Amino acid sequence: MVIGVAAAGGMALTALVMVLTPGPNMIYLVSRSISQGRRAGYVSLAGTFVGFLIYMTMANLGLAVVFLAVPWLYIAFKAVGALYIGYLAWQALRPGGRGLFEPRELPADSNWRLFRMGLVTNLLNPKAAILYLALIPQFIDPALGHTVLQGFALGSIQITVSIVVNGLIITAAGSIAGFVRTRPKWASWQRRVTGTLLGAVAVLIAREVPDRARI
């Protein structure tokens, strides 16, 4: 057995918490699904899927080594990610801000652009980087051997959870948007919760930047 049951369960739970925390991927997928339909959301999700595959492969084949050799790259990546998520939090919390499921006008894009933007959004998503560089290694047991295979197995669990949950969110996005449209108080509450969660993620990431800089 490549990984233990406890490691698989822990990875699945971690992946579930991560995917349910609003971030760049969810915001992009939901906005596309509401403005251009579910099909656009699924095409964008395909790009997100490929982004996860790239991260998983690079992380298991040595991306962590690069960040260890040039630590300021990792520090800079996390700092930029914290600023970006903080910006998303402000967009949700500021007066007149929009919630995750509030309809907005976006130009219709081709399938290729939808796929490409899903890919790029995921590759620039600091949550994905942290997941593969910091969290997944915590579930690898060197005593079992085959650490690379363990990394791929754990990454596959994360990808499966993320794709399934995001797929369900895309499917329900239109219905949720309709619900929000007719209930402004609920929309305001949802916007505050989303902004607060994004702000919390930004703070947690930002707190680690000075520690990493002193290493």
N, C-alpha and C. Protein backbone atom coordinates (compact mmCIF):
# COMPACT_ATOMS: atom_id res chain seq x y z
N MET A 1 0.85 -1.19 0.00
CA MET A 1 0.00 0.00 0.00
C MET A 1 0.89 1.24 0.00
N VAL A 2 0.67 2.17 -0.93
CA VAL A 2 1.54 3.34 -1.08
C VAL A 2 1.38 4.29 0.10
N ILE A 3 0.14 4.57 0.51
CA ILE A 3 -0.11 5.46 1.65
C ILE A 3 -1.06 4.78 2.61
N GLY A 4 -1.03 5.22 3.88
CA GLY A 4 -1.91 4.66 4.89
C GLY A 4 -3.30 5.26 4.84
N VAL A 5 -4.23 4.59 5.51
CA VAL A 5 -5.61 5.08 5.54
C VAL A 5 -5.69 6.43 6.24
N ALA A 6 -4.94 6.58 7.33
CA ALA A 6 -4.96 7.84 8.08
C ALA A 6 -4.46 8.99 7.22
N ALA A 7 -3.39 8.74 6.46
CA ALA A 7 -2.84 9.78 5.60
C ALA A 7 -3.84 10.15 4.50
N ALA A 8 -4.47 9.14 3.92
CA ALA A 8 -5.45 9.40 2.85
C ALA A 8 -6.64 10.20 3.40
N GLY A 9 -7.13 9.81 4.58
CA GLY A 9 -8.25 10.52 5.18
C GLY A 9 -7.88 11.94 5.56
N GLY A 10 -6.69 12.10 6.12
CA GLY A 10 -6.23 13.43 6.50
C GLY A 10 -6.06 14.34 5.30
N MET A 11 -5.56 13.77 4.21
CA MET A 11 -5.38 14.55 2.98
C MET A 11 -6.72 14.95 2.40
N ALA A 12 -7.68 14.04 2.40
CA ALA A 12 -9.00 14.33 1.87
C ALA A 12 -9.68 15.44 2.67
N LEU A 13 -9.56 15.39 4.01
CA LEU A 13 -10.16 16.42 4.85
C LEU A 13 -9.49 17.77 4.64
N THR A 14 -8.16 17.77 4.55
CA THR A 14 -7.42 19.01 4.31
C THR A 14 -7.81 19.62 2.97
N ALA A 15 -7.90 18.77 1.95
CA ALA A 15 -8.28 19.25 0.62
C ALA A 15 -9.69 19.82 0.62
N LEU A 16 -10.59 19.20 1.39
CA LEU A 16 -11.97 19.68 1.46
C LEU A 16 -12.03 21.06 2.10
N VAL A 17 -11.29 21.24 3.20
CA VAL A 17 -11.27 22.54 3.88
C VAL A 17 -10.69 23.61 2.94
N MET A 18 -9.62 23.26 2.24
CA MET A 18 -8.97 24.22 1.34
C MET A 18 -9.90 24.63 0.21
N VAL A 19 -10.58 23.67 -0.40
CA VAL A 19 -11.41 23.98 -1.56
C VAL A 19 -12.66 24.76 -1.15
N LEU A 20 -13.14 24.57 0.08
CA LEU A 20 -14.33 25.28 0.54
C LEU A 20 -14.02 26.70 1.03
N THR A 21 -12.72 27.01 1.21
CA THR A 21 -12.32 28.37 1.57
C THR A 21 -12.24 29.20 0.30
N PRO A 22 -13.07 30.22 0.16
CA PRO A 22 -13.08 31.00 -1.09
C PRO A 22 -11.70 31.53 -1.44
N GLY A 23 -11.34 31.37 -2.69
CA GLY A 23 -10.05 31.84 -3.18
C GLY A 23 -10.14 32.15 -4.66
N PRO A 24 -9.02 32.41 -5.31
CA PRO A 24 -9.02 32.78 -6.74
C PRO A 24 -9.72 31.76 -7.63
N ASN A 25 -9.47 30.47 -7.41
CA ASN A 25 -10.09 29.45 -8.25
C ASN A 25 -11.61 29.51 -8.16
N MET A 26 -12.13 29.50 -6.93
CA MET A 26 -13.58 29.49 -6.75
C MET A 26 -14.21 30.75 -7.33
N ILE A 27 -13.59 31.89 -7.09
CA ILE A 27 -14.14 33.15 -7.59
C ILE A 27 -14.20 33.14 -9.11
N TYR A 28 -13.13 32.66 -9.75
CA TYR A 28 -13.13 32.64 -11.22
C TYR A 28 -14.16 31.66 -11.76
N LEU A 29 -14.21 30.45 -11.19
CA LEU A 29 -15.14 29.43 -11.69
C LEU A 29 -16.59 29.86 -11.50
N VAL A 30 -16.90 30.43 -10.35
CA VAL A 30 -18.28 30.86 -10.09
C VAL A 30 -18.66 32.02 -11.01
N SER A 31 -17.76 33.00 -11.16
CA SER A 31 -18.08 34.16 -11.99
C SER A 31 -18.33 33.73 -13.43
N ARG A 32 -17.55 32.80 -13.94
CA ARG A 32 -17.74 32.33 -15.32
C ARG A 32 -19.02 31.53 -15.45
N SER A 33 -19.32 30.71 -14.45
CA SER A 33 -20.53 29.88 -14.51
C SER A 33 -21.78 30.74 -14.52
N ILE A 34 -21.77 31.81 -13.71
CA ILE A 34 -22.94 32.67 -13.63
C ILE A 34 -23.09 33.52 -14.88
N SER A 35 -21.98 34.06 -15.39
CA SER A 35 -22.05 34.99 -16.52
C SER A 35 -22.17 34.29 -17.87
N GLN A 36 -21.60 33.07 -17.99
CA GLN A 36 -21.54 32.42 -19.30
C GLN A 36 -22.12 31.01 -19.30
N GLY A 37 -22.61 30.54 -18.17
CA GLY A 37 -23.25 29.24 -18.13
C GLY A 37 -22.35 28.15 -17.57
N ARG A 38 -22.98 27.04 -17.23
CA ARG A 38 -22.26 25.92 -16.62
C ARG A 38 -21.16 25.36 -17.52
N ARG A 39 -21.42 25.31 -18.81
CA ARG A 39 -20.42 24.75 -19.73
C ARG A 39 -19.12 25.54 -19.63
N ALA A 40 -19.23 26.87 -19.56
CA ALA A 40 -18.03 27.70 -19.42
C ALA A 40 -17.32 27.39 -18.11
N GLY A 41 -18.11 27.15 -17.06
CA GLY A 41 -17.51 26.79 -15.78
C GLY A 41 -16.76 25.48 -15.84
N TYR A 42 -17.33 24.50 -16.54
CA TYR A 42 -16.66 23.20 -16.65
C TYR A 42 -15.39 23.29 -17.49
N VAL A 43 -15.42 24.09 -18.56
CA VAL A 43 -14.22 24.27 -19.38
C VAL A 43 -13.13 24.93 -18.56
N SER A 44 -13.51 25.94 -17.77
CA SER A 44 -12.55 26.61 -16.90
C SER A 44 -12.00 25.62 -15.86
N LEU A 45 -12.87 24.75 -15.36
CA LEU A 45 -12.46 23.76 -14.38
C LEU A 45 -11.43 22.80 -14.97
N ALA A 46 -11.56 22.49 -16.27
CA ALA A 46 -10.57 21.63 -16.93
C ALA A 46 -9.18 22.28 -16.88
N GLY A 47 -9.13 23.61 -17.07
CA GLY A 47 -7.86 24.31 -16.96
C GLY A 47 -7.31 24.25 -15.55
N THR A 48 -8.21 24.38 -14.57
CA THR A 48 -7.80 24.28 -13.17
C THR A 48 -7.22 22.90 -12.88
N PHE A 49 -7.85 21.87 -13.44
CA PHE A 49 -7.39 20.49 -13.26
C PHE A 49 -5.97 20.32 -13.79
N VAL A 50 -5.70 20.84 -14.98
CA VAL A 50 -4.35 20.73 -15.55
C VAL A 50 -3.35 21.49 -14.68
N GLY A 51 -3.77 22.63 -14.14
CA GLY A 51 -2.90 23.39 -13.24
C GLY A 51 -2.49 22.57 -12.03
N PHE A 52 -3.44 21.83 -11.45
CA PHE A 52 -3.14 20.97 -10.31
C PHE A 52 -2.16 19.86 -10.72
N LEU A 53 -2.36 19.29 -11.90
CA LEU A 53 -1.45 18.25 -12.37
C LEU A 53 -0.02 18.79 -12.50
N ILE A 54 0.09 20.00 -13.01
CA ILE A 54 1.42 20.62 -13.16
C ILE A 54 2.06 20.83 -11.79
N TYR A 55 1.29 21.38 -10.86
CA TYR A 55 1.82 21.59 -9.51
C TYR A 55 2.25 20.28 -8.87
N MET A 56 1.40 19.26 -8.99
CA MET A 56 1.70 17.98 -8.37
C MET A 56 2.99 17.39 -8.95
N THR A 57 3.14 17.45 -10.27
CA THR A 57 4.33 16.90 -10.91
C THR A 57 5.58 17.67 -10.53
N MET A 58 5.50 18.99 -10.58
CA MET A 58 6.66 19.81 -10.26
C MET A 58 7.06 19.66 -8.80
N ALA A 59 6.07 19.62 -7.91
CA ALA A 59 6.37 19.50 -6.48
C ALA A 59 7.05 18.17 -6.18
N ASN A 60 6.56 17.10 -6.80
CA ASN A 60 7.13 15.78 -6.53
C ASN A 60 8.46 15.55 -7.22
N LEU A 61 8.73 16.32 -8.26
CA LEU A 61 9.99 16.13 -9.00
C LEU A 61 11.02 17.22 -8.73
N GLY A 62 10.77 18.04 -7.70
CA GLY A 62 11.85 18.92 -7.29
C GLY A 62 11.57 20.39 -7.14
N LEU A 63 10.31 20.83 -7.26
CA LEU A 63 10.05 22.26 -7.10
C LEU A 63 10.40 22.71 -5.68
N ALA A 64 10.17 21.85 -4.70
CA ALA A 64 10.51 22.20 -3.32
C ALA A 64 12.01 22.44 -3.17
N VAL A 65 12.81 21.67 -3.92
CA VAL A 65 14.26 21.84 -3.87
C VAL A 65 14.66 23.21 -4.38
N VAL A 66 13.98 23.66 -5.43
CA VAL A 66 14.27 24.99 -5.98
C VAL A 66 13.99 26.07 -4.95
N PHE A 67 12.86 25.97 -4.26
CA PHE A 67 12.51 26.98 -3.26
C PHE A 67 13.47 26.93 -2.06
N LEU A 68 13.98 25.73 -1.74
CA LEU A 68 14.95 25.63 -0.66
C LEU A 68 16.29 26.25 -1.07
N ALA A 69 16.66 26.05 -2.34
CA ALA A 69 17.92 26.61 -2.84
C ALA A 69 17.84 28.12 -2.99
N VAL A 70 16.69 28.62 -3.39
CA VAL A 70 16.50 30.07 -3.56
C VAL A 70 15.28 30.48 -2.71
N PRO A 71 15.47 30.57 -1.39
CA PRO A 71 14.31 30.77 -0.49
C PRO A 71 13.54 32.06 -0.73
N TRP A 72 14.21 33.10 -1.26
CA TRP A 72 13.48 34.35 -1.46
C TRP A 72 12.37 34.21 -2.50
N LEU A 73 12.50 33.22 -3.42
CA LEU A 73 11.44 32.98 -4.39
C LEU A 73 10.16 32.54 -3.69
N TYR A 74 10.33 31.64 -2.73
CA TYR A 74 9.17 31.15 -1.97
C TYR A 74 8.57 32.28 -1.13
N ILE A 75 9.46 33.09 -0.50
CA ILE A 75 8.99 34.21 0.31
C ILE A 75 8.20 35.19 -0.55
N ALA A 76 8.76 35.52 -1.73
CA ALA A 76 8.09 36.46 -2.63
C ALA A 76 6.76 35.91 -3.11
N PHE A 77 6.72 34.61 -3.42
CA PHE A 77 5.49 33.99 -3.90
C PHE A 77 4.40 34.08 -2.84
N LYS A 78 4.77 33.79 -1.59
CA LYS A 78 3.77 33.83 -0.52
C LYS A 78 3.33 35.28 -0.25
N ALA A 79 4.28 36.22 -0.32
CA ALA A 79 3.93 37.62 -0.07
C ALA A 79 2.95 38.13 -1.11
N VAL A 80 3.22 37.83 -2.39
CA VAL A 80 2.33 38.26 -3.47
C VAL A 80 0.96 37.59 -3.30
N GLY A 81 0.97 36.31 -2.95
CA GLY A 81 -0.28 35.59 -2.74
C GLY A 81 -1.11 36.19 -1.61
N ALA A 82 -0.44 36.57 -0.50
CA ALA A 82 -1.15 37.19 0.62
C ALA A 82 -1.76 38.52 0.21
N LEU A 83 -1.02 39.31 -0.56
CA LEU A 83 -1.53 40.60 -1.02
C LEU A 83 -2.74 40.42 -1.95
N TYR A 84 -2.65 39.41 -2.83
CA TYR A 84 -3.73 39.19 -3.79
C TYR A 84 -5.01 38.74 -3.07
N ILE A 85 -4.87 37.81 -2.14
CA ILE A 85 -6.05 37.33 -1.42
C ILE A 85 -6.61 38.45 -0.53
N GLY A 86 -5.71 39.28 0.03
CA GLY A 86 -6.16 40.43 0.79
C GLY A 86 -6.96 41.40 -0.07
N TYR A 87 -6.52 41.57 -1.32
CA TYR A 87 -7.24 42.42 -2.27
C TYR A 87 -8.64 41.85 -2.55
N LEU A 88 -8.73 40.53 -2.73
CA LEU A 88 -10.03 39.90 -2.96
C LEU A 88 -10.94 40.08 -1.75
N ALA A 89 -10.36 40.01 -0.55
CA ALA A 89 -11.14 40.22 0.67
C ALA A 89 -11.69 41.64 0.71
N TRP A 90 -10.87 42.61 0.36
CA TRP A 90 -11.32 44.01 0.35
C TRP A 90 -12.42 44.22 -0.68
N GLN A 91 -12.29 43.59 -1.84
CA GLN A 91 -13.31 43.73 -2.86
C GLN A 91 -14.67 43.22 -2.37
N ALA A 92 -14.65 42.22 -1.51
CA ALA A 92 -15.90 41.68 -0.98
C ALA A 92 -16.43 42.52 0.19
N LEU A 93 -15.54 43.07 1.01
CA LEU A 93 -15.96 43.75 2.23
C LEU A 93 -16.18 45.25 2.06
N ARG A 94 -15.58 45.85 1.05
CA ARG A 94 -15.69 47.30 0.91
C ARG A 94 -17.13 47.69 0.61
N PRO A 95 -17.49 48.94 0.93
CA PRO A 95 -18.84 49.42 0.61
C PRO A 95 -19.13 49.29 -0.89
N GLY A 96 -20.24 48.67 -1.22
CA GLY A 96 -20.57 48.47 -2.63
C GLY A 96 -19.90 47.27 -3.25
N GLY A 97 -19.20 46.46 -2.43
CA GLY A 97 -18.52 45.29 -2.96
C GLY A 97 -19.50 44.22 -3.40
N ARG A 98 -18.99 43.24 -4.11
CA ARG A 98 -19.83 42.15 -4.62
C ARG A 98 -19.51 40.85 -3.92
N GLY A 99 -20.55 40.03 -3.70
CA GLY A 99 -20.36 38.72 -3.13
C GLY A 99 -19.98 37.71 -4.19
N LEU A 100 -19.62 36.52 -3.73
CA LEU A 100 -19.16 35.47 -4.64
C LEU A 100 -20.21 35.08 -5.66
N PHE A 101 -21.48 35.02 -5.25
CA PHE A 101 -22.54 34.54 -6.14
C PHE A 101 -23.42 35.65 -6.69
N GLU A 102 -23.00 36.90 -6.52
CA GLU A 102 -23.77 38.00 -7.08
C GLU A 102 -23.47 38.14 -8.57
N PRO A 103 -24.48 38.18 -9.42
CA PRO A 103 -24.26 38.26 -10.87
C PRO A 103 -23.47 39.50 -11.25
N ARG A 104 -22.60 39.34 -12.26
CA ARG A 104 -21.87 40.48 -12.79
C ARG A 104 -21.69 40.27 -14.29
N GLU A 105 -21.58 41.35 -15.01
CA GLU A 105 -21.44 41.27 -16.45
C GLU A 105 -19.98 40.99 -16.82
N LEU A 106 -19.76 39.91 -17.55
CA LEU A 106 -18.44 39.57 -18.06
C LEU A 106 -18.56 39.24 -19.54
N PRO A 107 -17.58 39.63 -20.35
CA PRO A 107 -17.66 39.31 -21.77
C PRO A 107 -17.53 37.80 -21.99
N ALA A 108 -18.26 37.29 -22.99
CA ALA A 108 -18.18 35.86 -23.30
C ALA A 108 -16.81 35.54 -23.90
N ASP A 109 -16.20 34.46 -23.45
CA ASP A 109 -14.88 34.06 -23.93
C ASP A 109 -14.96 32.72 -24.65
N SER A 110 -13.98 32.47 -25.50
CA SER A 110 -13.89 31.20 -26.21
C SER A 110 -13.50 30.10 -25.24
N ASN A 111 -13.72 28.85 -25.67
CA ASN A 111 -13.35 27.72 -24.83
C ASN A 111 -11.86 27.73 -24.50
N TRP A 112 -11.04 28.07 -25.49
CA TRP A 112 -9.59 28.07 -25.26
C TRP A 112 -9.21 29.11 -24.22
N ARG A 113 -9.82 30.30 -24.28
CA ARG A 113 -9.51 31.34 -23.30
C ARG A 113 -10.02 30.94 -21.92
N LEU A 114 -11.20 30.33 -21.86
CA LEU A 114 -11.72 29.86 -20.57
C LEU A 114 -10.78 28.84 -19.95
N PHE A 115 -10.33 27.88 -20.77
CA PHE A 115 -9.40 26.85 -20.29
C PHE A 115 -8.10 27.49 -19.83
N ARG A 116 -7.57 28.41 -20.64
CA ARG A 116 -6.29 29.03 -20.33
C ARG A 116 -6.37 29.86 -19.05
N MET A 117 -7.47 30.60 -18.88
CA MET A 117 -7.61 31.41 -17.68
C MET A 117 -7.78 30.54 -16.43
N GLY A 118 -8.48 29.41 -16.58
CA GLY A 118 -8.58 28.48 -15.45
C GLY A 118 -7.23 27.94 -15.06
N LEU A 119 -6.40 27.64 -16.07
CA LEU A 119 -5.05 27.13 -15.82
C LEU A 119 -4.19 28.19 -15.14
N VAL A 120 -4.18 29.40 -15.71
CA VAL A 120 -3.34 30.47 -15.17
C VAL A 120 -3.77 30.87 -13.76
N THR A 121 -5.08 30.95 -13.55
CA THR A 121 -5.59 31.31 -12.22
C THR A 121 -5.12 30.32 -11.18
N ASN A 122 -5.12 29.03 -11.53
CA ASN A 122 -4.68 28.02 -10.58
C ASN A 122 -3.17 28.06 -10.38
N LEU A 123 -2.42 28.27 -11.44
CA LEU A 123 -0.95 28.31 -11.31
C LEU A 123 -0.51 29.50 -10.46
N LEU A 124 -1.29 30.58 -10.48
CA LEU A 124 -0.95 31.77 -9.68
C LEU A 124 -1.66 31.78 -8.34
N ASN A 125 -2.33 30.68 -8.02
CA ASN A 125 -3.09 30.58 -6.77
C ASN A 125 -2.16 30.18 -5.63
N PRO A 126 -1.91 31.07 -4.66
CA PRO A 126 -0.99 30.72 -3.56
C PRO A 126 -1.49 29.56 -2.72
N LYS A 127 -2.81 29.34 -2.68
CA LYS A 127 -3.32 28.19 -1.92
C LYS A 127 -2.82 26.89 -2.50
N ALA A 128 -2.74 26.80 -3.84
CA ALA A 128 -2.24 25.59 -4.49
C ALA A 128 -0.77 25.38 -4.17
N ALA A 129 0.01 26.45 -4.22
CA ALA A 129 1.44 26.34 -3.92
C ALA A 129 1.67 25.89 -2.49
N ILE A 130 0.95 26.50 -1.55
CA ILE A 130 1.10 26.13 -0.14
C ILE A 130 0.69 24.68 0.08
N LEU A 131 -0.38 24.28 -0.59
CA LEU A 131 -0.88 22.91 -0.44
C LEU A 131 0.18 21.90 -0.83
N TYR A 132 0.82 22.10 -1.98
CA TYR A 132 1.77 21.11 -2.48
C TYR A 132 3.15 21.23 -1.85
N LEU A 133 3.54 22.42 -1.44
CA LEU A 133 4.88 22.61 -0.90
C LEU A 133 4.94 22.49 0.61
N ALA A 134 3.83 22.73 1.29
CA ALA A 134 3.86 22.74 2.75
C ALA A 134 2.95 21.71 3.40
N LEU A 135 1.74 21.49 2.85
CA LEU A 135 0.78 20.63 3.53
C LEU A 135 0.91 19.16 3.14
N ILE A 136 0.96 18.87 1.85
CA ILE A 136 1.02 17.47 1.42
C ILE A 136 2.23 16.73 2.00
N PRO A 137 3.43 17.37 2.05
CA PRO A 137 4.58 16.65 2.64
C PRO A 137 4.35 16.20 4.08
N GLN A 138 3.43 16.87 4.80
CA GLN A 138 3.16 16.47 6.19
C GLN A 138 2.53 15.08 6.26
N PHE A 139 1.91 14.62 5.19
CA PHE A 139 1.23 13.32 5.19
C PHE A 139 2.10 12.21 4.60
N ILE A 140 3.31 12.54 4.16
CA ILE A 140 4.21 11.53 3.60
C ILE A 140 4.97 10.85 4.72
N ASP A 141 4.96 9.53 4.72
CA ASP A 141 5.66 8.74 5.75
C ASP A 141 6.91 8.11 5.13
N PRO A 142 8.10 8.62 5.45
CA PRO A 142 9.33 8.07 4.87
C PRO A 142 9.52 6.59 5.17
N ALA A 143 8.95 6.13 6.30
CA ALA A 143 9.11 4.73 6.68
C ALA A 143 8.46 3.79 5.68
N LEU A 144 7.46 4.28 4.93
CA LEU A 144 6.79 3.44 3.95
C LEU A 144 7.58 3.37 2.63
N GLY A 145 8.57 4.26 2.48
CA GLY A 145 9.33 4.28 1.24
C GLY A 145 8.52 4.87 0.09
N HIS A 146 9.13 4.92 -1.08
CA HIS A 146 8.45 5.42 -2.29
C HIS A 146 7.81 6.79 -2.04
N THR A 147 8.59 7.73 -1.51
CA THR A 147 8.04 9.02 -1.14
C THR A 147 7.45 9.77 -2.35
N VAL A 148 8.05 9.59 -3.52
CA VAL A 148 7.51 10.25 -4.72
C VAL A 148 6.14 9.70 -5.05
N LEU A 149 6.00 8.37 -4.98
CA LEU A 149 4.70 7.76 -5.25
C LEU A 149 3.67 8.20 -4.20
N GLN A 150 4.10 8.33 -2.96
CA GLN A 150 3.19 8.82 -1.92
C GLN A 150 2.72 10.24 -2.26
N GLY A 151 3.66 11.06 -2.73
CA GLY A 151 3.31 12.42 -3.11
C GLY A 151 2.27 12.47 -4.22
N PHE A 152 2.45 11.60 -5.22
CA PHE A 152 1.50 11.55 -6.33
C PHE A 152 0.14 11.01 -5.86
N ALA A 153 0.16 10.02 -4.98
CA ALA A 153 -1.09 9.46 -4.46
C ALA A 153 -1.87 10.49 -3.66
N LEU A 154 -1.16 11.21 -2.79
CA LEU A 154 -1.80 12.24 -1.98
C LEU A 154 -2.29 13.39 -2.86
N GLY A 155 -1.48 13.76 -3.86
CA GLY A 155 -1.89 14.81 -4.79
C GLY A 155 -3.13 14.41 -5.57
N SER A 156 -3.22 13.13 -5.92
CA SER A 156 -4.39 12.65 -6.66
C SER A 156 -5.65 12.75 -5.82
N ILE A 157 -5.53 12.47 -4.51
CA ILE A 157 -6.67 12.61 -3.62
C ILE A 157 -7.12 14.07 -3.56
N GLN A 158 -6.14 14.98 -3.43
CA GLN A 158 -6.46 16.41 -3.37
C GLN A 158 -7.15 16.87 -4.64
N ILE A 159 -6.63 16.45 -5.79
CA ILE A 159 -7.20 16.87 -7.07
C ILE A 159 -8.63 16.34 -7.20
N THR A 160 -8.85 15.09 -6.82
CA THR A 160 -10.18 14.50 -6.91
C THR A 160 -11.19 15.27 -6.07
N VAL A 161 -10.82 15.55 -4.82
CA VAL A 161 -11.71 16.31 -3.93
C VAL A 161 -12.00 17.69 -4.51
N SER A 162 -10.95 18.36 -4.96
CA SER A 162 -11.11 19.72 -5.48
C SER A 162 -12.00 19.76 -6.72
N ILE A 163 -11.78 18.84 -7.65
CA ILE A 163 -12.56 18.84 -8.89
C ILE A 163 -14.02 18.50 -8.61
N VAL A 164 -14.27 17.52 -7.73
CA VAL A 164 -15.64 17.13 -7.42
C VAL A 164 -16.38 18.29 -6.75
N VAL A 165 -15.77 18.91 -5.75
CA VAL A 165 -16.43 20.00 -5.03
C VAL A 165 -16.64 21.20 -5.95
N ASN A 166 -15.61 21.58 -6.71
CA ASN A 166 -15.77 22.71 -7.62
C ASN A 166 -16.80 22.41 -8.71
N GLY A 167 -16.87 21.17 -9.14
CA GLY A 167 -17.88 20.79 -10.12
C GLY A 167 -19.28 20.96 -9.57
N LEU A 168 -19.48 20.59 -8.31
CA LEU A 168 -20.79 20.76 -7.66
C LEU A 168 -21.11 22.25 -7.50
N ILE A 169 -20.09 23.06 -7.17
CA ILE A 169 -20.31 24.50 -7.02
C ILE A 169 -20.70 25.11 -8.35
N ILE A 170 -20.03 24.70 -9.43
CA ILE A 170 -20.38 25.20 -10.77
C ILE A 170 -21.82 24.84 -11.11
N THR A 171 -22.20 23.60 -10.83
CA THR A 171 -23.55 23.13 -11.14
C THR A 171 -24.60 23.94 -10.40
N ALA A 172 -24.29 24.31 -9.15
CA ALA A 172 -25.27 25.02 -8.33
C ALA A 172 -25.16 26.54 -8.43
N ALA A 173 -24.13 27.05 -9.10
CA ALA A 173 -23.86 28.49 -9.10
C ALA A 173 -25.04 29.30 -9.61
N GLY A 174 -25.65 28.87 -10.72
CA GLY A 174 -26.76 29.61 -11.29
C GLY A 174 -27.95 29.68 -10.34
N SER A 175 -28.26 28.55 -9.71
CA SER A 175 -29.39 28.52 -8.77
C SER A 175 -29.11 29.40 -7.55
N ILE A 176 -27.87 29.35 -7.05
CA ILE A 176 -27.51 30.16 -5.89
C ILE A 176 -27.57 31.64 -6.26
N ALA A 177 -27.12 31.97 -7.47
CA ALA A 177 -27.16 33.36 -7.93
C ALA A 177 -28.60 33.87 -7.98
N GLY A 178 -29.52 33.02 -8.45
CA GLY A 178 -30.93 33.41 -8.48
C GLY A 178 -31.49 33.62 -7.08
N PHE A 179 -31.09 32.76 -6.16
CA PHE A 179 -31.51 32.91 -4.77
C PHE A 179 -31.00 34.22 -4.18
N VAL A 180 -29.72 34.51 -4.44
CA VAL A 180 -29.11 35.74 -3.92
C VAL A 180 -29.79 36.97 -4.50
N ARG A 181 -30.14 36.92 -5.77
CA ARG A 181 -30.72 38.08 -6.46
C ARG A 181 -32.03 38.52 -5.80
N THR A 182 -32.77 37.56 -5.27
CA THR A 182 -34.07 37.89 -4.68
C THR A 182 -34.01 38.09 -3.17
N ARG A 183 -32.82 37.92 -2.59
CA ARG A 183 -32.67 38.07 -1.13
C ARG A 183 -31.44 38.92 -0.83
N PRO A 184 -31.54 40.22 -0.93
CA PRO A 184 -30.41 41.11 -0.74
C PRO A 184 -29.74 41.00 0.63
N LYS A 185 -30.51 40.71 1.68
CA LYS A 185 -29.91 40.57 3.00
C LYS A 185 -28.99 39.35 3.05
N TRP A 186 -29.43 38.25 2.42
CA TRP A 186 -28.59 37.06 2.39
C TRP A 186 -27.33 37.33 1.59
N ALA A 187 -27.47 38.08 0.50
CA ALA A 187 -26.31 38.42 -0.33
C ALA A 187 -25.29 39.22 0.47
N SER A 188 -25.77 40.16 1.28
CA SER A 188 -24.87 40.97 2.10
C SER A 188 -24.15 40.11 3.13
N TRP A 189 -24.88 39.18 3.75
CA TRP A 189 -24.28 38.28 4.73
C TRP A 189 -23.23 37.39 4.09
N GLN A 190 -23.57 36.85 2.92
CA GLN A 190 -22.64 35.97 2.22
C GLN A 190 -21.37 36.71 1.82
N ARG A 191 -21.53 37.98 1.41
CA ARG A 191 -20.37 38.78 1.01
C ARG A 191 -19.44 39.01 2.20
N ARG A 192 -20.02 39.28 3.37
CA ARG A 192 -19.21 39.50 4.56
C ARG A 192 -18.46 38.23 4.97
N VAL A 193 -19.15 37.09 4.90
CA VAL A 193 -18.51 35.83 5.27
C VAL A 193 -17.36 35.53 4.31
N THR A 194 -17.62 35.69 3.01
CA THR A 194 -16.58 35.44 2.02
C THR A 194 -15.37 36.34 2.24
N GLY A 195 -15.63 37.64 2.43
CA GLY A 195 -14.54 38.58 2.65
C GLY A 195 -13.75 38.26 3.91
N THR A 196 -14.46 37.88 4.97
CA THR A 196 -13.78 37.56 6.23
C THR A 196 -12.90 36.33 6.07
N LEU A 197 -13.41 35.29 5.40
CA LEU A 197 -12.62 34.09 5.19
C LEU A 197 -11.38 34.39 4.34
N LEU A 198 -11.56 35.17 3.28
CA LEU A 198 -10.42 35.54 2.45
C LEU A 198 -9.40 36.34 3.26
N GLY A 199 -9.90 37.27 4.08
CA GLY A 199 -9.00 38.06 4.91
C GLY A 199 -8.22 37.19 5.89
N ALA A 200 -8.89 36.19 6.47
CA ALA A 200 -8.22 35.28 7.41
C ALA A 200 -7.11 34.50 6.71
N VAL A 201 -7.40 34.02 5.50
CA VAL A 201 -6.39 33.28 4.74
C VAL A 201 -5.20 34.19 4.43
N ALA A 202 -5.48 35.44 4.04
CA ALA A 202 -4.40 36.39 3.72
C ALA A 202 -3.52 36.63 4.94
N VAL A 203 -4.14 36.80 6.12
CA VAL A 203 -3.38 37.05 7.34
C VAL A 203 -2.52 35.84 7.69
N LEU A 204 -3.09 34.64 7.57
CA LEU A 204 -2.33 33.43 7.90
C LEU A 204 -1.11 33.28 6.99
N ILE A 205 -1.30 33.58 5.71
CA ILE A 205 -0.17 33.50 4.78
C ILE A 205 0.86 34.58 5.09
N ALA A 206 0.37 35.81 5.33
CA ALA A 206 1.27 36.93 5.59
C ALA A 206 2.10 36.72 6.86
N ARG A 207 1.52 36.08 7.86
CA ARG A 207 2.24 35.84 9.12
C ARG A 207 3.45 34.96 8.93
N GLU A 208 3.41 34.08 7.92
CA GLU A 208 4.52 33.18 7.69
C GLU A 208 5.66 33.83 6.92
N VAL A 209 5.38 34.94 6.23
CA VAL A 209 6.41 35.56 5.39
C VAL A 209 7.60 36.05 6.20
N PRO A 210 7.42 36.82 7.31
CA PRO A 210 8.59 37.26 8.07
C PRO A 210 9.38 36.08 8.65
N ASP A 211 8.67 35.02 9.10
CA ASP A 211 9.36 33.85 9.63
C ASP A 211 10.24 33.21 8.58
N ARG A 212 9.71 33.08 7.37
CA ARG A 212 10.50 32.50 6.29
C ARG A 212 11.69 33.38 5.93
N ALA A 213 11.50 34.70 6.02
CA ALA A 213 12.57 35.62 5.65
C ALA A 213 13.74 35.55 6.63
N ARG A 214 13.46 35.14 7.89
CA ARG A 214 14.53 35.05 8.90
C ARG A 214 15.27 33.75 8.84
N ILE A 215 14.75 32.77 8.07
CA ILE A 215 15.40 31.45 8.01
C ILE A 215 16.69 31.53 7.22
